[in-house]
Amino acid sequence: MSMATQDDPRLEPLPAELDSPRAKLVYFTLAVTGGASVGELHDVLDVPKLTLLSVMDALTGRDLVQRTDDGFVAVA
């Protein structure tokens, strides 16, 4: 199994605007999965849906996440 390293060009750094650990976790999850609904994020991350909605509001307000018909996707 090949492990990615910090020098691996496939790794994109997280946007600098992400200041909270929870926002980083949600953004990273969306980036890795290609998108998810709030319900799916809740199931995977075990974060309350109200908290996720607040995080999603902040991320969409910073244009880091975009709402789709199926949920949200990372755009930055």
N, C-alpha and C. Protein backbone atom coordinates (compact mmCIF):
# COMPACT_ATOMS: atom_id res chain seq x y z
N MET A 1 0.85 -1.18 0.00
CA MET A 1 0.00 0.00 0.00
C MET A 1 0.89 1.24 0.00
N SER A 2 0.57 2.19 -0.86
CA SER A 2 1.34 3.42 -0.97
C SER A 2 0.71 4.51 -0.11
N MET A 3 1.50 5.12 0.72
CA MET A 3 1.01 6.19 1.58
C MET A 3 1.39 7.54 0.97
N ALA A 4 0.47 8.48 0.94
CA ALA A 4 0.76 9.83 0.46
C ALA A 4 1.57 10.57 1.52
N THR A 5 2.47 11.42 1.07
CA THR A 5 3.29 12.21 1.99
C THR A 5 3.05 13.69 1.75
N GLN A 6 3.61 14.51 2.60
CA GLN A 6 3.45 15.96 2.46
C GLN A 6 3.95 16.46 1.11
N ASP A 7 4.95 15.79 0.52
CA ASP A 7 5.49 16.21 -0.76
C ASP A 7 4.71 15.65 -1.95
N ASP A 8 3.71 14.89 -1.68
CA ASP A 8 2.91 14.26 -2.73
C ASP A 8 2.08 15.33 -3.44
N PRO A 9 2.23 15.49 -4.77
CA PRO A 9 1.47 16.53 -5.48
C PRO A 9 -0.03 16.29 -5.50
N ARG A 10 -0.47 15.07 -5.14
CA ARG A 10 -1.91 14.80 -5.11
C ARG A 10 -2.58 15.42 -3.89
N LEU A 11 -1.80 15.77 -2.88
CA LEU A 11 -2.37 16.34 -1.67
C LEU A 11 -2.53 17.85 -1.83
N GLU A 12 -3.72 18.30 -1.63
CA GLU A 12 -3.99 19.73 -1.67
C GLU A 12 -4.08 20.23 -0.23
N PRO A 13 -3.42 21.32 0.09
CA PRO A 13 -3.55 21.85 1.46
C PRO A 13 -4.97 22.36 1.69
N LEU A 14 -5.39 22.30 2.94
CA LEU A 14 -6.70 22.85 3.28
C LEU A 14 -6.67 24.35 3.13
N PRO A 15 -7.76 24.97 2.71
CA PRO A 15 -7.80 26.43 2.58
C PRO A 15 -7.46 27.11 3.90
N ALA A 16 -6.70 28.18 3.82
CA ALA A 16 -6.26 28.91 5.02
C ALA A 16 -7.45 29.52 5.78
N GLU A 17 -8.55 29.76 5.09
CA GLU A 17 -9.72 30.36 5.74
C GLU A 17 -10.38 29.44 6.76
N LEU A 18 -10.06 28.15 6.72
CA LEU A 18 -10.65 27.20 7.66
C LEU A 18 -9.97 27.37 9.00
N ASP A 19 -10.70 27.94 9.96
CA ASP A 19 -10.09 28.23 11.24
C ASP A 19 -10.49 27.25 12.35
N SER A 20 -11.61 26.60 12.22
CA SER A 20 -12.03 25.68 13.29
C SER A 20 -11.74 24.24 12.91
N PRO A 21 -11.40 23.42 13.88
CA PRO A 21 -11.17 22.00 13.59
C PRO A 21 -12.39 21.32 12.97
N ARG A 22 -13.58 21.68 13.40
CA ARG A 22 -14.79 21.06 12.86
C ARG A 22 -14.99 21.44 11.40
N ALA A 23 -14.74 22.71 11.05
CA ALA A 23 -14.86 23.15 9.66
C ALA A 23 -13.83 22.42 8.79
N LYS A 24 -12.63 22.24 9.31
CA LYS A 24 -11.60 21.50 8.57
C LYS A 24 -12.03 20.06 8.34
N LEU A 25 -12.59 19.43 9.37
CA LEU A 25 -13.05 18.04 9.26
C LEU A 25 -14.15 17.91 8.22
N VAL A 26 -15.13 18.80 8.27
CA VAL A 26 -16.25 18.75 7.32
C VAL A 26 -15.75 19.01 5.90
N TYR A 27 -14.92 20.04 5.72
CA TYR A 27 -14.39 20.36 4.40
C TYR A 27 -13.59 19.18 3.85
N PHE A 28 -12.70 18.62 4.67
CA PHE A 28 -11.88 17.49 4.24
C PHE A 28 -12.75 16.30 3.84
N THR A 29 -13.79 16.03 4.63
CA THR A 29 -14.69 14.92 4.32
C THR A 29 -15.38 15.15 2.98
N LEU A 30 -15.85 16.36 2.75
CA LEU A 30 -16.49 16.67 1.46
C LEU A 30 -15.51 16.55 0.31
N ALA A 31 -14.28 17.00 0.52
CA ALA A 31 -13.27 16.92 -0.54
C ALA A 31 -12.92 15.47 -0.88
N VAL A 32 -12.81 14.65 0.14
CA VAL A 32 -12.42 13.25 -0.07
C VAL A 32 -13.55 12.43 -0.68
N THR A 33 -14.77 12.69 -0.24
CA THR A 33 -15.91 11.89 -0.71
C THR A 33 -16.51 12.42 -2.00
N GLY A 34 -16.18 13.63 -2.39
CA GLY A 34 -16.76 14.22 -3.59
C GLY A 34 -18.10 14.87 -3.34
N GLY A 35 -18.50 14.93 -2.07
CA GLY A 35 -19.75 15.57 -1.69
C GLY A 35 -20.60 14.69 -0.80
N ALA A 36 -21.48 15.32 -0.04
CA ALA A 36 -22.34 14.57 0.87
C ALA A 36 -23.49 15.47 1.33
N SER A 37 -24.54 14.82 1.78
CA SER A 37 -25.66 15.55 2.39
C SER A 37 -25.36 15.75 3.87
N VAL A 38 -26.13 16.59 4.52
CA VAL A 38 -25.97 16.80 5.95
C VAL A 38 -26.22 15.49 6.70
N GLY A 39 -27.20 14.72 6.25
CA GLY A 39 -27.48 13.43 6.88
C GLY A 39 -26.31 12.46 6.75
N GLU A 40 -25.69 12.44 5.57
CA GLU A 40 -24.53 11.57 5.37
C GLU A 40 -23.35 12.02 6.22
N LEU A 41 -23.13 13.34 6.29
CA LEU A 41 -22.06 13.85 7.15
C LEU A 41 -22.33 13.50 8.61
N HIS A 42 -23.56 13.61 9.03
CA HIS A 42 -23.94 13.25 10.40
C HIS A 42 -23.61 11.78 10.67
N ASP A 43 -23.96 10.91 9.74
CA ASP A 43 -23.71 9.48 9.92
C ASP A 43 -22.21 9.17 9.98
N VAL A 44 -21.44 9.81 9.12
CA VAL A 44 -20.01 9.52 9.03
C VAL A 44 -19.22 10.16 10.17
N LEU A 45 -19.55 11.41 10.49
CA LEU A 45 -18.76 12.16 11.46
C LEU A 45 -19.33 12.15 12.87
N ASP A 46 -20.59 11.73 13.01
CA ASP A 46 -21.26 11.74 14.31
C ASP A 46 -21.28 13.14 14.93
N VAL A 47 -21.56 14.12 14.08
CA VAL A 47 -21.71 15.51 14.50
C VAL A 47 -23.18 15.86 14.40
N PRO A 48 -23.73 16.55 15.42
CA PRO A 48 -25.16 16.91 15.36
C PRO A 48 -25.51 17.68 14.08
N LYS A 49 -26.69 17.40 13.55
CA LYS A 49 -27.12 18.04 12.31
C LYS A 49 -27.18 19.56 12.42
N LEU A 50 -27.62 20.08 13.56
CA LEU A 50 -27.67 21.53 13.73
C LEU A 50 -26.28 22.14 13.67
N THR A 51 -25.31 21.46 14.23
CA THR A 51 -23.93 21.92 14.16
C THR A 51 -23.44 21.88 12.73
N LEU A 52 -23.75 20.80 12.02
CA LEU A 52 -23.34 20.69 10.62
C LEU A 52 -23.96 21.79 9.77
N LEU A 53 -25.22 22.11 10.02
CA LEU A 53 -25.87 23.19 9.26
C LEU A 53 -25.17 24.51 9.50
N SER A 54 -24.75 24.77 10.72
CA SER A 54 -24.02 25.99 11.03
C SER A 54 -22.67 26.01 10.31
N VAL A 55 -21.97 24.90 10.33
CA VAL A 55 -20.68 24.80 9.63
C VAL A 55 -20.88 24.98 8.13
N MET A 56 -21.91 24.35 7.57
CA MET A 56 -22.15 24.46 6.15
C MET A 56 -22.49 25.90 5.76
N ASP A 57 -23.23 26.59 6.61
CA ASP A 57 -23.55 27.99 6.37
C ASP A 57 -22.27 28.83 6.31
N ALA A 58 -21.36 28.58 7.25
CA ALA A 58 -20.10 29.32 7.27
C ALA A 58 -19.25 28.99 6.05
N LEU A 59 -19.19 27.72 5.69
CA LEU A 59 -18.37 27.32 4.54
C LEU A 59 -18.93 27.83 3.22
N THR A 60 -20.25 27.82 3.07
CA THR A 60 -20.84 28.35 1.84
C THR A 60 -20.68 29.87 1.79
N GLY A 61 -20.75 30.51 2.94
CA GLY A 61 -20.55 31.96 3.00
C GLY A 61 -19.14 32.38 2.60
N ARG A 62 -18.19 31.50 2.78
CA ARG A 62 -16.80 31.77 2.39
C ARG A 62 -16.48 31.19 1.00
N ASP A 63 -17.50 30.70 0.32
CA ASP A 63 -17.35 30.11 -1.02
C ASP A 63 -16.38 28.93 -1.05
N LEU A 64 -16.31 28.18 0.04
CA LEU A 64 -15.48 26.99 0.11
C LEU A 64 -16.27 25.73 -0.20
N VAL A 65 -17.59 25.85 -0.03
CA VAL A 65 -18.51 24.73 -0.26
C VAL A 65 -19.68 25.25 -1.06
N GLN A 66 -20.18 24.40 -1.94
CA GLN A 66 -21.34 24.77 -2.76
C GLN A 66 -22.47 23.78 -2.52
N ARG A 67 -23.68 24.30 -2.43
CA ARG A 67 -24.84 23.44 -2.26
C ARG A 67 -25.23 22.86 -3.62
N THR A 68 -25.58 21.58 -3.63
CA THR A 68 -26.02 20.89 -4.84
C THR A 68 -27.40 20.28 -4.57
N ASP A 69 -27.97 19.64 -5.57
CA ASP A 69 -29.24 18.97 -5.38
C ASP A 69 -29.13 17.81 -4.39
N ASP A 70 -27.93 17.23 -4.30
CA ASP A 70 -27.73 16.07 -3.43
C ASP A 70 -27.09 16.41 -2.08
N GLY A 71 -26.69 17.64 -1.88
CA GLY A 71 -26.05 18.02 -0.61
C GLY A 71 -25.06 19.15 -0.80
N PHE A 72 -23.80 18.88 -0.49
CA PHE A 72 -22.76 19.90 -0.56
C PHE A 72 -21.49 19.30 -1.16
N VAL A 73 -20.70 20.15 -1.85
CA VAL A 73 -19.42 19.73 -2.38
C VAL A 73 -18.38 20.82 -2.04
N ALA A 74 -17.15 20.38 -1.84
CA ALA A 74 -16.03 21.32 -1.62
C ALA A 74 -15.67 21.91 -2.97
N VAL A 75 -15.45 23.23 -3.02
CA VAL A 75 -15.14 23.88 -4.28
C VAL A 75 -13.79 24.57 -4.29
N ALA A 76 -13.17 24.71 -3.18
CA ALA A 76 -11.87 25.44 -3.15
C ALA A 76 -10.72 24.48 -3.30
